[in-house]
Amino acid sequence: MRIPFYKPTIGNRVQLAANAVVAGKISIGDDAVIGACAVVTTSVPPRAVIVGDPAEIRSCRGSFGHIYYDGMEKDPDRQASYGSSEMPTPSADSFRDDFQPEASGDV
């Protein structure tokens, strides 16, 4: 007897942290965050923050403060998901500038 193999459907701008397991015929909504080592076996709504084993919804803030990419300030899908034309997240360029390694003379 052959066991059916189901694939999950992952939405846009979803953050999957290290060792997260997403299994089964489920869907992960846009802008969701799946925490490290979470085991997700049921569908996840858009903007949900999921953690734990078994996975539980801890917040509905979404991935807006976690995912950065060029042009995100003008991305109509991201703005529609956020529900506002003015998003409080920094630009991708400022994110990169904030996390540049410091030059040190102590090499």
C-alpha atoms as a PDB file:
ATOM      1  CA  MET A   1       0.000   0.000   0.000  1.00  0.00           C
ATOM      2  CA  ARG A   2       1.381   3.376  -1.003  1.00  0.00           C
ATOM      3  CA  ILE A   3       1.237   6.166   1.576  1.00  0.00           C
ATOM      4  CA  PRO A   4       0.127   9.508   0.084  1.00  0.00           C
ATOM      5  CA  PHE A   5       2.660  12.328   0.190  1.00  0.00           C
ATOM      6  CA  TYR A   6       1.215  15.787   0.798  1.00  0.00           C
ATOM      7  CA  LYS A   7       3.055  19.056   0.363  1.00  0.00           C
ATOM      8  CA  PRO A   8       2.360  22.220   2.346  1.00  0.00           C
ATOM      9  CA  THR A   9       1.636  25.492   0.541  1.00  0.00           C
ATOM     10  CA  ILE A  10       3.822  28.359   1.786  1.00  0.00           C
ATOM     11  CA  GLY A  11       2.619  31.953   1.300  1.00  0.00           C
ATOM     12  CA  ASN A  12       4.619  35.053   0.397  1.00  0.00           C
ATOM     13  CA  ARG A  13       7.027  36.773   2.804  1.00  0.00           C
ATOM     14  CA  VAL A  14       6.962  33.872   5.295  1.00  0.00           C
ATOM     15  CA  GLN A  15       9.843  33.453   7.734  1.00  0.00           C
ATOM     16  CA  LEU A  16      10.703  29.847   8.612  1.00  0.00           C
ATOM     17  CA  ALA A  17      13.219  29.701  11.460  1.00  0.00           C
ATOM     18  CA  ALA A  18      15.856  27.009  11.984  1.00  0.00           C
ATOM     19  CA  ASN A  19      14.648  23.429  12.459  1.00  0.00           C
ATOM     20  CA  ALA A  20      10.987  24.327  11.937  1.00  0.00           C
ATOM     21  CA  VAL A  21       8.912  21.418  10.627  1.00  0.00           C
ATOM     22  CA  VAL A  22       5.938  22.089   8.355  1.00  0.00           C
ATOM     23  CA  ALA A  23       4.214  18.842   7.423  1.00  0.00           C
ATOM     24  CA  GLY A  24       1.067  17.712   5.683  1.00  0.00           C
ATOM     25  CA  LYS A  25      -1.476  19.155   3.293  1.00  0.00           C
ATOM     26  CA  ILE A  26      -1.659  22.541   5.018  1.00  0.00           C
ATOM     27  CA  SER A  27      -1.206  26.167   4.008  1.00  0.00           C
ATOM     28  CA  ILE A  28       0.905  28.867   5.624  1.00  0.00           C
ATOM     29  CA  GLY A  29      -0.596  32.333   5.106  1.00  0.00           C
ATOM     30  CA  ASP A  30       1.253  35.367   3.775  1.00  0.00           C
ATOM     31  CA  ASP A  31       3.527  37.263   6.183  1.00  0.00           C
ATOM     32  CA  ALA A  32       3.528  34.477   8.807  1.00  0.00           C
ATOM     33  CA  VAL A  33       6.453  33.674  11.104  1.00  0.00           C
ATOM     34  CA  ILE A  34       7.237  30.079  12.092  1.00  0.00           C
ATOM     35  CA  GLY A  35       9.545  29.966  15.120  1.00  0.00           C
ATOM     36  CA  ALA A  36      12.613  27.798  15.614  1.00  0.00           C
ATOM     37  CA  CYS A  37      11.884  24.103  16.229  1.00  0.00           C
ATOM     38  CA  ALA A  38       8.118  24.622  15.787  1.00  0.00           C
ATOM     39  CA  VAL A  39       6.168  21.596  14.543  1.00  0.00           C
ATOM     40  CA  VAL A  40       3.301  22.822  12.347  1.00  0.00           C
ATOM     41  CA  THR A  41       0.669  20.268  11.312  1.00  0.00           C
ATOM     42  CA  THR A  42      -2.371  22.533  10.837  1.00  0.00           C
ATOM     43  CA  SER A  43      -2.939  25.499   8.526  1.00  0.00           C
ATOM     44  CA  VAL A  44      -1.636  28.890   9.655  1.00  0.00           C
ATOM     45  CA  PRO A  45      -3.577  32.127   9.017  1.00  0.00           C
ATOM     46  CA  PRO A  46      -1.908  35.165   7.405  1.00  0.00           C
ATOM     47  CA  ARG A  47       0.263  37.316   9.731  1.00  0.00           C
ATOM     48  CA  ALA A  48       0.358  34.662  12.473  1.00  0.00           C
ATOM     49  CA  VAL A  49       3.425  34.121  14.638  1.00  0.00           C
ATOM     50  CA  ILE A  50       3.691  30.403  15.438  1.00  0.00           C
ATOM     51  CA  VAL A  51       5.950  28.754  18.039  1.00  0.00           C
ATOM     52  CA  GLY A  52       6.228  25.484  19.917  1.00  0.00           C
ATOM     53  CA  ASP A  53       5.660  21.762  19.600  1.00  0.00           C
ATOM     54  CA  PRO A  54       2.794  21.460  18.871  1.00  0.00           C
ATOM     55  CA  ALA A  55       2.691  24.860  17.191  1.00  0.00           C
ATOM     56  CA  GLU A  56       0.499  27.559  18.717  1.00  0.00           C
ATOM     57  CA  ILE A  57      -0.374  31.070  17.561  1.00  0.00           C
ATOM     58  CA  ARG A  58       1.316  33.585  19.863  1.00  0.00           C
ATOM     59  CA  SER A  59       0.695  36.790  17.927  1.00  0.00           C
ATOM     60  CA  CYS A  60      -0.826  38.210  14.760  1.00  0.00           C
ATOM     61  CA  ARG A  61       1.928  40.796  14.130  1.00  0.00           C
ATOM     62  CA  GLY A  62       3.347  38.871  11.181  1.00  0.00           C
ATOM     63  CA  SER A  63       6.764  39.016   9.557  1.00  0.00           C
ATOM     64  CA  PHE A  64       6.794  42.778   8.975  1.00  0.00           C
ATOM     65  CA  GLY A  65       9.745  43.408  11.293  1.00  0.00           C
ATOM     66  CA  HIS A  66      11.675  40.334  10.169  1.00  0.00           C
ATOM     67  CA  ILE A  67      11.761  40.233   6.373  1.00  0.00           C
ATOM     68  CA  TYR A  68      13.476  42.931   4.330  1.00  0.00           C
ATOM     69  CA  TYR A  69      13.877  43.152   0.566  1.00  0.00           C
ATOM     70  CA  ASP A  70      14.434  45.797  -2.082  1.00  0.00           C
ATOM     71  CA  GLY A  71      11.246  47.653  -2.946  1.00  0.00           C
ATOM     72  CA  MET A  72       9.274  46.424   0.057  1.00  0.00           C
ATOM     73  CA  GLU A  73       8.057  49.957   0.873  1.00  0.00           C
ATOM     74  CA  LYS A  74       6.233  50.094  -2.460  1.00  0.00           C
ATOM     75  CA  ASP A  75       5.119  46.446  -2.679  1.00  0.00           C
ATOM     76  CA  PRO A  76       1.310  46.625  -3.054  1.00  0.00           C
ATOM     77  CA  ASP A  77       0.766  43.072  -1.763  1.00  0.00           C
ATOM     78  CA  ARG A  78       2.761  43.770   1.398  1.00  0.00           C
ATOM     79  CA  GLN A  79       0.946  47.072   1.943  1.00  0.00           C
ATOM     80  CA  ALA A  80      -2.441  45.405   1.485  1.00  0.00           C
ATOM     81  CA  SER A  81      -1.514  42.692   3.964  1.00  0.00           C
ATOM     82  CA  TYR A  82      -0.298  45.257   6.464  1.00  0.00           C
ATOM     83  CA  GLY A  83      -3.456  47.284   6.019  1.00  0.00           C
ATOM     84  CA  SER A  84      -1.734  50.615   5.572  1.00  0.00           C
ATOM     85  CA  SER A  85       0.180  52.505   2.933  1.00  0.00           C
ATOM     86  CA  GLU A  86       2.685  53.635   5.577  1.00  0.00           C
ATOM     87  CA  MET A  87       4.571  50.676   7.026  1.00  0.00           C
ATOM     88  CA  PRO A  88       6.694  51.227  10.151  1.00  0.00           C
ATOM     89  CA  THR A  89       9.514  48.932   8.993  1.00  0.00           C
ATOM     90  CA  PRO A  90      12.874  50.371   7.951  1.00  0.00           C
ATOM     91  CA  SER A  91      14.013  50.166   4.359  1.00  0.00           C
ATOM     92  CA  ALA A  92      16.192  47.281   3.223  1.00  0.00           C
ATOM     93  CA  ASP A  93      19.096  49.705   2.723  1.00  0.00           C
ATOM     94  CA  SER A  94      18.923  51.054   6.270  1.00  0.00           C
ATOM     95  CA  PHE A  95      18.736  47.487   7.587  1.00  0.00           C
ATOM     96  CA  ARG A  96      21.956  46.617   5.767  1.00  0.00           C
ATOM     97  CA  ASP A  97      23.646  49.812   7.009  1.00  0.00           C
ATOM     98  CA  ASP A  98      22.732  49.040  10.634  1.00  0.00           C
ATOM     99  CA  PHE A  99      24.353  45.622  10.543  1.00  0.00           C
ATOM    100  CA  GLN A 100      27.672  46.268   8.808  1.00  0.00           C
ATOM    101  CA  PRO A 101      30.631  44.768  10.682  1.00  0.00           C
ATOM    102  CA  GLU A 102      32.705  47.355  12.442  1.00  0.00           C
ATOM    103  CA  ALA A 103      36.241  47.947  11.231  1.00  0.00           C
ATOM    104  CA  SER A 104      38.707  47.148  13.937  1.00  0.00           C
ATOM    105  CA  GLY A 105      42.449  47.729  14.116  1.00  0.00           C
ATOM    106  CA  ASP A 106      42.799  44.808  16.587  1.00  0.00           C
ATOM    107  CA  VAL A 107      43.357  42.149  13.926  1.00  0.00           C
END
